[in-house]
PDB file of all heavy atoms in Angstrom:
ATOM      1  N   TYR A   1       5.796  87.938 -16.694  1.00  0.00           N
ATOM      2  CA  TYR A   1       4.786  87.575 -17.685  1.00  0.00           C
ATOM      3  C   TYR A   1       3.725  88.663 -17.770  1.00  0.00           C
ATOM      4  O   TYR A   1       3.449  89.366 -16.792  1.00  0.00           O
ATOM      5  CB  TYR A   1       4.102  86.246 -17.336  1.00  0.00           C
ATOM      6  CG  TYR A   1       5.041  85.070 -17.290  1.00  0.00           C
ATOM      7  CD1 TYR A   1       5.579  84.646 -16.077  1.00  0.00           C
ATOM      8  CD2 TYR A   1       5.388  84.394 -18.443  1.00  0.00           C
ATOM      9  CE1 TYR A   1       6.448  83.565 -16.026  1.00  0.00           C
ATOM     10  CE2 TYR A   1       6.252  83.306 -18.401  1.00  0.00           C
ATOM     11  CZ  TYR A   1       6.778  82.906 -17.195  1.00  0.00           C
ATOM     12  OH  TYR A   1       7.640  81.848 -17.148  1.00  0.00           O
ATOM     13  N   ALA A   2       3.134  88.766 -18.957  1.00  0.00           N
ATOM     14  CA  ALA A   2       2.012  89.685 -19.147  1.00  0.00           C
ATOM     15  C   ALA A   2       1.111  89.103 -20.218  1.00  0.00           C
ATOM     16  O   ALA A   2       1.592  88.663 -21.282  1.00  0.00           O
ATOM     17  CB  ALA A   2       2.498  91.076 -19.561  1.00  0.00           C
ATOM     18  N   VAL A   3      -0.197  89.071 -19.946  1.00  0.00           N
ATOM     19  CA  VAL A   3      -1.175  88.597 -20.928  1.00  0.00           C
ATOM     20  C   VAL A   3      -2.281  89.639 -21.040  1.00  0.00           C
ATOM     21  O   VAL A   3      -2.758  90.175 -20.033  1.00  0.00           O
ATOM     22  CB  VAL A   3      -1.759  87.226 -20.529  1.00  0.00           C
ATOM     23  CG1 VAL A   3      -0.717  86.130 -20.641  1.00  0.00           C
ATOM     24  CG2 VAL A   3      -2.341  87.262 -19.122  1.00  0.00           C
ATOM     25  N   ALA A   4      -2.650  89.927 -22.278  1.00  0.00           N
ATOM     26  CA  ALA A   4      -3.708  90.906 -22.531  1.00  0.00           C
ATOM     27  C   ALA A   4      -4.974  90.154 -22.910  1.00  0.00           C
ATOM     28  O   ALA A   4      -4.968  89.330 -23.827  1.00  0.00           O
ATOM     29  CB  ALA A   4      -3.287  91.857 -23.655  1.00  0.00           C
ATOM     30  N   LEU A   5      -6.073  90.462 -22.201  1.00  0.00           N
ATOM     31  CA  LEU A   5      -7.341  89.776 -22.422  1.00  0.00           C
ATOM     32  C   LEU A   5      -8.373  90.754 -22.960  1.00  0.00           C
ATOM     33  O   LEU A   5      -8.417  91.918 -22.555  1.00  0.00           O
ATOM     34  CB  LEU A   5      -7.859  89.158 -21.123  1.00  0.00           C
ATOM     35  CG  LEU A   5      -6.988  88.087 -20.459  1.00  0.00           C
ATOM     36  CD1 LEU A   5      -7.669  87.599 -19.185  1.00  0.00           C
ATOM     37  CD2 LEU A   5      -6.717  86.935 -21.409  1.00  0.00           C
ATOM     38  N   LYS A   6      -9.203  90.247 -23.845  1.00  0.00           N
ATOM     39  CA  LYS A   6     -10.321  91.026 -24.369  1.00  0.00           C
ATOM     40  C   LYS A   6     -11.562  90.148 -24.341  1.00  0.00           C
ATOM     41  O   LYS A   6     -11.490  88.954 -24.667  1.00  0.00           O
ATOM     42  CB  LYS A   6     -10.034  91.493 -25.797  1.00  0.00           C
ATOM     43  CG  LYS A   6     -11.159  92.332 -26.402  1.00  0.00           C
ATOM     44  CD  LYS A   6     -10.784  92.833 -27.779  1.00  0.00           C
ATOM     45  CE  LYS A   6     -11.925  93.640 -28.394  1.00  0.00           C
ATOM     46  NZ  LYS A   6     -12.271  94.820 -27.572  1.00  0.00           N
ATOM     47  N   TYR A   7     -12.690  90.768 -23.946  1.00  0.00           N
ATOM     48  CA  TYR A   7     -13.931  90.005 -23.903  1.00  0.00           C
ATOM     49  C   TYR A   7     -15.068  90.839 -24.478  1.00  0.00           C
ATOM     50  O   TYR A   7     -15.280  91.992 -24.090  1.00  0.00           O
ATOM     51  CB  TYR A   7     -14.273  89.592 -22.474  1.00  0.00           C
ATOM     52  CG  TYR A   7     -15.586  88.845 -22.375  1.00  0.00           C
ATOM     53  CD1 TYR A   7     -15.741  87.606 -22.995  1.00  0.00           C
ATOM     54  CD2 TYR A   7     -16.670  89.379 -21.688  1.00  0.00           C
ATOM     55  CE1 TYR A   7     -16.948  86.916 -22.928  1.00  0.00           C
ATOM     56  CE2 TYR A   7     -17.876  88.692 -21.608  1.00  0.00           C
ATOM     57  CZ  TYR A   7     -18.008  87.463 -22.237  1.00  0.00           C
ATOM     58  OH  TYR A   7     -19.203  86.791 -22.171  1.00  0.00           O
ATOM     59  N   ASP A   8     -15.764  90.236 -25.403  1.00  0.00           N
ATOM     60  CA  ASP A   8     -16.943  90.856 -26.011  1.00  0.00           C
ATOM     61  C   ASP A   8     -18.074  89.846 -25.912  1.00  0.00           C
ATOM     62  O   ASP A   8     -18.065  88.815 -26.602  1.00  0.00           O
ATOM     63  CB  ASP A   8     -16.656  91.235 -27.465  1.00  0.00           C
ATOM     64  CG  ASP A   8     -17.850  91.900 -28.132  1.00  0.00           C
ATOM     65  OD1 ASP A   8     -18.863  92.142 -27.446  1.00  0.00           O
ATOM     66  OD2 ASP A   8     -17.769  92.167 -29.351  1.00  0.00           O
ATOM     67  N   GLY A   9     -19.019  90.123 -25.046  1.00  0.00           N
ATOM     68  CA  GLY A   9     -20.101  89.170 -24.820  1.00  0.00           C
ATOM     69  C   GLY A   9     -20.921  88.889 -26.047  1.00  0.00           C
ATOM     70  O   GLY A   9     -21.553  87.830 -26.154  1.00  0.00           O
ATOM     71  N   ALA A  10     -20.922  89.795 -27.013  1.00  0.00           N
ATOM     72  CA  ALA A  10     -21.737  89.602 -28.218  1.00  0.00           C
ATOM     73  C   ALA A  10     -21.092  88.629 -29.196  1.00  0.00           C
ATOM     74  O   ALA A  10     -21.793  87.916 -29.922  1.00  0.00           O
ATOM     75  CB  ALA A  10     -21.982  90.945 -28.903  1.00  0.00           C
ATOM     76  N   GLY A  11     -19.753  88.588 -29.234  1.00  0.00           N
ATOM     77  CA  GLY A  11     -19.105  87.745 -30.240  1.00  0.00           C
ATOM     78  C   GLY A  11     -18.150  86.720 -29.702  1.00  0.00           C
ATOM     79  O   GLY A  11     -17.513  86.007 -30.489  1.00  0.00           O
ATOM     80  N   MET A  12     -17.970  86.628 -28.389  1.00  0.00           N
ATOM     81  CA  MET A  12     -17.014  85.688 -27.812  1.00  0.00           C
ATOM     82  C   MET A  12     -17.714  84.833 -26.756  1.00  0.00           C
ATOM     83  O   MET A  12     -18.541  85.333 -25.992  1.00  0.00           O
ATOM     84  CB  MET A  12     -15.844  86.431 -27.157  1.00  0.00           C
ATOM     85  CG  MET A  12     -15.023  87.278 -28.092  1.00  0.00           C
ATOM     86  SD  MET A  12     -13.652  88.097 -27.207  1.00  0.00           S
ATOM     87  CE  MET A  12     -12.997  89.137 -28.501  1.00  0.00           C
ATOM     88  N   ARG A  13     -17.357  83.575 -26.706  1.00  0.00           N
ATOM     89  CA  ARG A  13     -17.877  82.692 -25.664  1.00  0.00           C
ATOM     90  C   ARG A  13     -17.129  82.884 -24.363  1.00  0.00           C
ATOM     91  O   ARG A  13     -17.674  82.639 -23.277  1.00  0.00           O
ATOM     92  CB  ARG A  13     -17.776  81.240 -26.113  1.00  0.00           C
ATOM     93  CG  ARG A  13     -18.630  80.885 -27.318  1.00  0.00           C
ATOM     94  CD  ARG A  13     -18.407  79.449 -27.723  1.00  0.00           C
ATOM     95  NE  ARG A  13     -16.988  79.197 -28.013  1.00  0.00           N
ATOM     96  CZ  ARG A  13     -16.484  77.996 -28.284  1.00  0.00           C
ATOM     97  NH1 ARG A  13     -17.275  76.931 -28.267  1.00  0.00           N
ATOM     98  NH2 ARG A  13     -15.194  77.859 -28.554  1.00  0.00           N
ATOM     99  N   ALA A  14     -15.855  83.287 -24.470  1.00  0.00           N
ATOM    100  CA  ALA A  14     -15.017  83.457 -23.288  1.00  0.00           C
ATOM    101  C   ALA A  14     -13.964  84.515 -23.608  1.00  0.00           C
ATOM    102  O   ALA A  14     -13.725  84.846 -24.772  1.00  0.00           O
ATOM    103  CB  ALA A  14     -14.353  82.128 -22.910  1.00  0.00           C
ATOM    104  N   PRO A  15     -13.323  85.084 -22.593  1.00  0.00           N
ATOM    105  CA  PRO A  15     -12.245  86.049 -22.838  1.00  0.00           C
ATOM    106  C   PRO A  15     -11.150  85.439 -23.716  1.00  0.00           C
ATOM    107  O   PRO A  15     -10.835  84.253 -23.619  1.00  0.00           O
ATOM    108  CB  PRO A  15     -11.730  86.367 -21.426  1.00  0.00           C
ATOM    109  CG  PRO A  15     -12.900  86.090 -20.539  1.00  0.00           C
ATOM    110  CD  PRO A  15     -13.620  84.935 -21.148  1.00  0.00           C
ATOM    111  N   ARG A  16     -10.587  86.273 -24.543  1.00  0.00           N
ATOM    112  CA  ARG A  16      -9.590  85.821 -25.513  1.00  0.00           C
ATOM    113  C   ARG A  16      -8.266  86.527 -25.253  1.00  0.00           C
ATOM    114  O   ARG A  16      -8.222  87.713 -24.907  1.00  0.00           O
ATOM    115  CB  ARG A  16     -10.074  86.121 -26.923  1.00  0.00           C
ATOM    116  CG  ARG A  16      -9.128  85.678 -28.033  1.00  0.00           C
ATOM    117  CD  ARG A  16      -9.756  85.921 -29.382  1.00  0.00           C
ATOM    118  NE  ARG A  16     -10.978  85.132 -29.540  1.00  0.00           N
ATOM    119  CZ  ARG A  16     -11.853  85.321 -30.516  1.00  0.00           C
ATOM    120  NH1 ARG A  16     -11.658  86.299 -31.402  1.00  0.00           N
ATOM    121  NH2 ARG A  16     -12.924  84.556 -30.602  1.00  0.00           N
ATOM    122  N   VAL A  17      -7.167  85.776 -25.437  1.00  0.00           N
ATOM    123  CA  VAL A  17      -5.819  86.341 -25.303  1.00  0.00           C
ATOM    124  C   VAL A  17      -5.466  87.043 -26.612  1.00  0.00           C
ATOM    125  O   VAL A  17      -5.399  86.408 -27.668  1.00  0.00           O
ATOM    126  CB  VAL A  17      -4.784  85.232 -24.989  1.00  0.00           C
ATOM    127  CG1 VAL A  17      -3.373  85.820 -24.981  1.00  0.00           C
ATOM    128  CG2 VAL A  17      -5.094  84.585 -23.656  1.00  0.00           C
ATOM    129  N   VAL A  18      -5.240  88.342 -26.552  1.00  0.00           N
ATOM    130  CA  VAL A  18      -4.877  89.102 -27.758  1.00  0.00           C
ATOM    131  C   VAL A  18      -3.390  89.407 -27.812  1.00  0.00           C
ATOM    132  O   VAL A  18      -2.862  89.791 -28.854  1.00  0.00           O
ATOM    133  CB  VAL A  18      -5.691  90.409 -27.858  1.00  0.00           C
ATOM    134  CG1 VAL A  18      -7.172  90.097 -28.024  1.00  0.00           C
ATOM    135  CG2 VAL A  18      -5.465  91.290 -26.629  1.00  0.00           C
ATOM    136  N   ALA A  19      -2.699  89.246 -26.673  1.00  0.00           N
ATOM    137  CA  ALA A  19      -1.249  89.459 -26.643  1.00  0.00           C
ATOM    138  C   ALA A  19      -0.704  88.789 -25.394  1.00  0.00           C
ATOM    139  O   ALA A  19      -1.389  88.708 -24.357  1.00  0.00           O
ATOM    140  CB  ALA A  19      -0.907  90.946 -26.653  1.00  0.00           C
ATOM    141  N   LYS A  20       0.513  88.312 -25.505  1.00  0.00           N
ATOM    142  CA  LYS A  20       1.179  87.762 -24.327  1.00  0.00           C
ATOM    143  C   LYS A  20       2.676  87.811 -24.555  1.00  0.00           C
ATOM    144  O   LYS A  20       3.153  87.824 -25.695  1.00  0.00           O
ATOM    145  CB  LYS A  20       0.720  86.330 -24.041  1.00  0.00           C
ATOM    146  CG  LYS A  20       1.221  85.278 -25.019  1.00  0.00           C
ATOM    147  CD  LYS A  20       0.819  83.886 -24.533  1.00  0.00           C
ATOM    148  CE  LYS A  20       1.449  82.799 -25.411  1.00  0.00           C
ATOM    149  NZ  LYS A  20       1.159  81.441 -24.901  1.00  0.00           N
ATOM    150  N   GLY A  21       3.427  87.847 -23.471  1.00  0.00           N
ATOM    151  CA  GLY A  21       4.871  87.908 -23.599  1.00  0.00           C
ATOM    152  C   GLY A  21       5.558  87.651 -22.285  1.00  0.00           C
ATOM    153  O   GLY A  21       4.932  87.631 -21.211  1.00  0.00           O
ATOM    154  N   LYS A  22       6.867  87.446 -22.397  1.00  0.00           N
ATOM    155  CA  LYS A  22       7.687  87.135 -21.237  1.00  0.00           C
ATOM    156  C   LYS A  22       8.871  88.091 -21.204  1.00  0.00           C
ATOM    157  O   LYS A  22       9.434  88.429 -22.256  1.00  0.00           O
ATOM    158  CB  LYS A  22       8.154  85.678 -21.317  1.00  0.00           C
ATOM    159  CG  LYS A  22       9.011  85.207 -20.144  1.00  0.00           C
ATOM    160  CD  LYS A  22       9.419  83.752 -20.347  1.00  0.00           C
ATOM    161  CE  LYS A  22      10.286  83.251 -19.206  1.00  0.00           C
ATOM    162  NZ  LYS A  22      10.722  81.849 -19.407  1.00  0.00           N
ATOM    163  N   ASN A  23       9.228  88.523 -19.998  1.00  0.00           N
ATOM    164  CA  ASN A  23      10.383  89.393 -19.768  1.00  0.00           C
ATOM    165  C   ASN A  23      10.302  90.682 -20.600  1.00  0.00           C
ATOM    166  O   ASN A  23       9.459  91.523 -20.346  1.00  0.00           O
ATOM    167  CB  ASN A  23      11.678  88.627 -20.045  1.00  0.00           C
ATOM    168  CG  ASN A  23      11.845  87.451 -19.096  1.00  0.00           C
ATOM    169  OD1 ASN A  23      11.354  87.489 -17.966  1.00  0.00           O
ATOM    170  ND2 ASN A  23      12.511  86.401 -19.542  1.00  0.00           N
ATOM    171  N   LEU A  24      11.157  90.828 -21.647  1.00  0.00           N
ATOM    172  CA  LEU A  24      11.198  92.073 -22.407  1.00  0.00           C
ATOM    173  C   LEU A  24       9.877  92.357 -23.116  1.00  0.00           C
ATOM    174  O   LEU A  24       9.383  93.495 -23.099  1.00  0.00           O
ATOM    175  CB  LEU A  24      12.340  92.027 -23.433  1.00  0.00           C
ATOM    176  CG  LEU A  24      12.500  93.275 -24.320  1.00  0.00           C
ATOM    177  CD1 LEU A  24      12.750  94.510 -23.473  1.00  0.00           C
ATOM    178  CD2 LEU A  24      13.628  93.072 -25.320  1.00  0.00           C
ATOM    179  N   ILE A  25       9.291  91.333 -23.726  1.00  0.00           N
ATOM    180  CA  ILE A  25       8.012  91.542 -24.419  1.00  0.00           C
ATOM    181  C   ILE A  25       6.922  91.875 -23.409  1.00  0.00           C
ATOM    182  O   ILE A  25       6.035  92.693 -23.675  1.00  0.00           O
ATOM    183  CB  ILE A  25       7.646  90.299 -25.249  1.00  0.00           C
ATOM    184  CG1 ILE A  25       8.701  90.058 -26.330  1.00  0.00           C
ATOM    185  CG2 ILE A  25       6.268  90.456 -25.886  1.00  0.00           C
ATOM    186  CD1 ILE A  25       8.458  88.844 -27.184  1.00  0.00           C
ATOM    187  N   ALA A  26       6.985  91.255 -22.221  1.00  0.00           N
ATOM    188  CA  ALA A  26       6.014  91.579 -21.174  1.00  0.00           C
ATOM    189  C   ALA A  26       6.129  93.047 -20.783  1.00  0.00           C
ATOM    190  O   ALA A  26       5.115  93.740 -20.585  1.00  0.00           O
ATOM    191  CB  ALA A  26       6.229  90.680 -19.955  1.00  0.00           C
ATOM    192  N   ALA A  27       7.360  93.537 -20.691  1.00  0.00           N
ATOM    193  CA  ALA A  27       7.546  94.956 -20.362  1.00  0.00           C
ATOM    194  C   ALA A  27       6.991  95.847 -21.468  1.00  0.00           C
ATOM    195  O   ALA A  27       6.381  96.894 -21.184  1.00  0.00           O
ATOM    196  CB  ALA A  27       9.033  95.232 -20.145  1.00  0.00           C
ATOM    197  N   GLN A  28       7.184  95.442 -22.729  1.00  0.00           N
ATOM    198  CA  GLN A  28       6.642  96.230 -23.840  1.00  0.00           C
ATOM    199  C   GLN A  28       5.116  96.252 -23.805  1.00  0.00           C
ATOM    200  O   GLN A  28       4.493  97.288 -24.085  1.00  0.00           O
ATOM    201  CB  GLN A  28       7.143  95.660 -25.167  1.00  0.00           C
ATOM    202  CG  GLN A  28       8.642  95.800 -25.362  1.00  0.00           C
ATOM    203  CD  GLN A  28       9.120  95.113 -26.639  1.00  0.00           C
ATOM    204  OE1 GLN A  28       8.358  94.421 -27.320  1.00  0.00           O
ATOM    205  NE2 GLN A  28      10.394  95.288 -26.959  1.00  0.00           N
ATOM    206  N   ILE A  29       4.510  95.120 -23.440  1.00  0.00           N
ATOM    207  CA  ILE A  29       3.040  95.074 -23.344  1.00  0.00           C
ATOM    208  C   ILE A  29       2.561  96.003 -22.235  1.00  0.00           C
ATOM    209  O   ILE A  29       1.588  96.752 -22.403  1.00  0.00           O
ATOM    210  CB  ILE A  29       2.571  93.623 -23.100  1.00  0.00           C
ATOM    211  CG1 ILE A  29       2.850  92.762 -24.345  1.00  0.00           C
ATOM    212  CG2 ILE A  29       1.082  93.592 -22.753  1.00  0.00           C
ATOM    213  CD1 ILE A  29       2.536  91.291 -24.152  1.00  0.00           C
ATOM    214  N   ARG A  30       3.237  95.988 -21.097  1.00  0.00           N
ATOM    215  CA  ARG A  30       2.836  96.872 -19.995  1.00  0.00           C
ATOM    216  C   ARG A  30       2.987  98.339 -20.383  1.00  0.00           C
ATOM    217  O   ARG A  30       2.108  99.165 -20.087  1.00  0.00           O
ATOM    218  CB  ARG A  30       3.675  96.565 -18.743  1.00  0.00           C
ATOM    219  CG  ARG A  30       3.393  95.197 -18.126  1.00  0.00           C
ATOM    220  CD  ARG A  30       3.971  95.106 -16.720  1.00  0.00           C
ATOM    221  NE  ARG A  30       5.412  95.359 -16.714  1.00  0.00           N
ATOM    222  CZ  ARG A  30       6.337  94.429 -16.875  1.00  0.00           C
ATOM    223  NH1 ARG A  30       5.973  93.157 -17.080  1.00  0.00           N
ATOM    224  NH2 ARG A  30       7.619  94.732 -16.843  1.00  0.00           N
ATOM    225  N   ASN A  31       4.097  98.669 -21.050  1.00  0.00           N
ATOM    226  CA  ASN A  31       4.302 100.062 -21.462  1.00  0.00           C
ATOM    227  C   ASN A  31       3.229 100.500 -22.463  1.00  0.00           C
ATOM    228  O   ASN A  31       2.715 101.616 -22.389  1.00  0.00           O
ATOM    229  CB  ASN A  31       5.693 100.218 -22.081  1.00  0.00           C
ATOM    230  CG  ASN A  31       6.807 100.023 -21.070  1.00  0.00           C
ATOM    231  OD1 ASN A  31       6.596 100.233 -19.860  1.00  0.00           O
ATOM    232  ND2 ASN A  31       7.978  99.628 -21.538  1.00  0.00           N
ATOM    233  N   LYS A  32       2.911  99.601 -23.398  1.00  0.00           N
ATOM    234  CA  LYS A  32       1.865  99.920 -24.378  1.00  0.00           C
ATOM    235  C   LYS A  32       0.524 100.115 -23.676  1.00  0.00           C
ATOM    236  O   LYS A  32      -0.257 101.012 -24.039  1.00  0.00           O
ATOM    237  CB  LYS A  32       1.769  98.791 -25.401  1.00  0.00           C
ATOM    238  CG  LYS A  32       0.936  99.122 -26.623  1.00  0.00           C
ATOM    239  CD  LYS A  32       1.714  99.985 -27.602  1.00  0.00           C
ATOM    240  CE  LYS A  32       0.998 100.109 -28.922  1.00  0.00           C
ATOM    241  NZ  LYS A  32       1.736 100.957 -29.893  1.00  0.00           N
ATOM    242  N   ALA A  33       0.257  99.290 -22.704  1.00  0.00           N
ATOM    243  CA  ALA A  33      -1.009  99.397 -21.972  1.00  0.00           C
ATOM    244  C   ALA A  33      -1.082 100.718 -21.206  1.00  0.00           C
ATOM    245  O   ALA A  33      -2.133 101.381 -21.174  1.00  0.00           O
ATOM    246  CB  ALA A  33      -1.158  98.215 -21.018  1.00  0.00           C
ATOM    247  N   MET A  34       0.029 101.101 -20.579  1.00  0.00           N
ATOM    248  CA  MET A  34       0.017 102.363 -19.835  1.00  0.00           C
ATOM    249  C   MET A  34      -0.156 103.556 -20.764  1.00  0.00           C
ATOM    250  O   MET A  34      -0.810 104.541 -20.403  1.00  0.00           O
ATOM    251  CB  MET A  34       1.312 102.490 -19.019  1.00  0.00           C
ATOM    252  CG  MET A  34       1.358 101.554 -17.808  1.00  0.00           C
ATOM    253  SD  MET A  34       2.800 101.813 -16.729  1.00  0.00           S
ATOM    254  CE  MET A  34       4.127 101.180 -17.776  1.00  0.00           C
ATOM    255  N   GLU A  35       0.414 103.485 -21.962  1.00  0.00           N
ATOM    256  CA  GLU A  35       0.245 104.576 -22.923  1.00  0.00           C
ATOM    257  C   GLU A  35      -1.219 104.771 -23.292  1.00  0.00           C
ATOM    258  O   GLU A  35      -1.663 105.902 -23.512  1.00  0.00           O
ATOM    259  CB  GLU A  35       1.065 104.281 -24.184  1.00  0.00           C
ATOM    260  CG  GLU A  35       2.568 104.390 -23.997  1.00  0.00           C
ATOM    261  CD  GLU A  35       3.313 104.036 -25.269  1.00  0.00           C
ATOM    262  OE1 GLU A  35       2.633 103.877 -26.319  1.00  0.00           O
ATOM    263  OE2 GLU A  35       4.550 103.924 -25.220  1.00  0.00           O
ATOM    264  N   HIS A  36      -1.970 103.668 -23.375  1.00  0.00           N
ATOM    265  CA  HIS A  36      -3.370 103.742 -23.805  1.00  0.00           C
ATOM    266  C   HIS A  36      -4.345 103.541 -22.642  1.00  0.00           C
ATOM    267  O   HIS A  36      -5.525 103.278 -22.869  1.00  0.00           O
ATOM    268  CB  HIS A  36      -3.629 102.704 -24.908  1.00  0.00           C
ATOM    269  CG  HIS A  36      -2.864 102.984 -26.169  1.00  0.00           C
ATOM    270  ND1 HIS A  36      -1.548 102.614 -26.342  1.00  0.00           N
ATOM    271  CD2 HIS A  36      -3.236 103.616 -27.316  1.00  0.00           C
ATOM    272  CE1 HIS A  36      -1.144 102.976 -27.538  1.00  0.00           C
ATOM    273  NE2 HIS A  36      -2.135 103.592 -28.151  1.00  0.00           N
ATOM    274  N   GLU A  37      -3.821 103.654 -21.417  1.00  0.00           N
ATOM    275  CA  GLU A  37      -4.654 103.583 -20.209  1.00  0.00           C
ATOM    276  C   GLU A  37      -5.458 102.285 -20.129  1.00  0.00           C
ATOM    277  O   GLU A  37      -6.632 102.272 -19.741  1.00  0.00           O
ATOM    278  CB  GLU A  37      -5.596 104.797 -20.140  1.00  0.00           C
ATOM    279  CG  GLU A  37      -4.838 106.117 -20.056  1.00  0.00           C
ATOM    280  CD  GLU A  37      -5.776 107.300 -19.948  1.00  0.00           C
ATOM    281  OE1 GLU A  37      -7.005 107.106 -20.093  1.00  0.00           O
ATOM    282  OE2 GLU A  37      -5.293 108.417 -19.722  1.00  0.00           O
ATOM    283  N   VAL A  38      -4.834 101.194 -20.496  1.00  0.00           N
ATOM    284  CA  VAL A  38      -5.451  99.876 -20.337  1.00  0.00           C
ATOM    285  C   VAL A  38      -5.138  99.393 -18.926  1.00  0.00           C
ATOM    286  O   VAL A  38      -3.969  99.401 -18.505  1.00  0.00           O
ATOM    287  CB  VAL A  38      -4.920  98.872 -21.386  1.00  0.00           C
ATOM    288  CG1 VAL A  38      -5.538  97.491 -21.176  1.00  0.00           C
ATOM    289  CG2 VAL A  38      -5.208  99.371 -22.786  1.00  0.00           C
ATOM    290  N   PRO A  39      -6.133  98.960 -18.143  1.00  0.00           N
ATOM    291  CA  PRO A  39      -5.886  98.536 -16.753  1.00  0.00           C
ATOM    292  C   PRO A  39      -4.901  97.368 -16.683  1.00  0.00           C
ATOM    293  O   PRO A  39      -4.937  96.450 -17.513  1.00  0.00           O
ATOM    294  CB  PRO A  39      -7.270  98.116 -16.259  1.00  0.00           C
ATOM    295  CG  PRO A  39      -8.233  98.828 -17.152  1.00  0.00           C
ATOM    296  CD  PRO A  39      -7.564  98.924 -18.486  1.00  0.00           C
ATOM    297  N   ILE A  40      -4.027  97.430 -15.695  1.00  0.00           N
ATOM    298  CA  ILE A  40      -3.047  96.369 -15.452  1.00  0.00           C
ATOM    299  C   ILE A  40      -3.346  95.773 -14.088  1.00  0.00           C
ATOM    300  O   ILE A  40      -3.435  96.493 -13.079  1.00  0.00           O
ATOM    301  CB  ILE A  40      -1.605  96.917 -15.508  1.00  0.00           C
ATOM    302  CG1 ILE A  40      -1.313  97.495 -16.902  1.00  0.00           C
ATOM    303  CG2 ILE A  40      -0.611  95.823 -15.159  1.00  0.00           C
ATOM    304  CD1 ILE A  40       0.056  98.131 -17.028  1.00  0.00           C
ATOM    305  N   PHE A  41      -3.497  94.460 -14.038  1.00  0.00           N
ATOM    306  CA  PHE A  41      -3.860  93.775 -12.798  1.00  0.00           C
ATOM    307  C   PHE A  41      -2.795  92.714 -12.510  1.00  0.00           C
ATOM    308  O   PHE A  41      -2.480  91.869 -13.352  1.00  0.00           O
ATOM    309  CB  PHE A  41      -5.228  93.105 -12.942  1.00  0.00           C
ATOM    310  CG  PHE A  41      -5.720  92.489 -11.677  1.00  0.00           C
ATOM    311  CD1 PHE A  41      -6.359  93.250 -10.708  1.00  0.00           C
ATOM    312  CD2 PHE A  41      -5.539  91.132 -11.434  1.00  0.00           C
ATOM    313  CE1 PHE A  41      -6.820  92.678  -9.537  1.00  0.00           C
ATOM    314  CE2 PHE A  41      -5.991  90.550 -10.260  1.00  0.00           C
ATOM    315  CZ  PHE A  41      -6.632  91.333  -9.301  1.00  0.00           C
TER     316      PHE A  41
END
């Protein structure tokens, strides 16, 4: 599994899920994140 979270204190009450996926889509999300240096936890 992979879920991408974004939080903007000015316009959001809580962190928001902007992407999520399982298995193959999860791998695509991780690869996309690594391409753009988005932290993976």
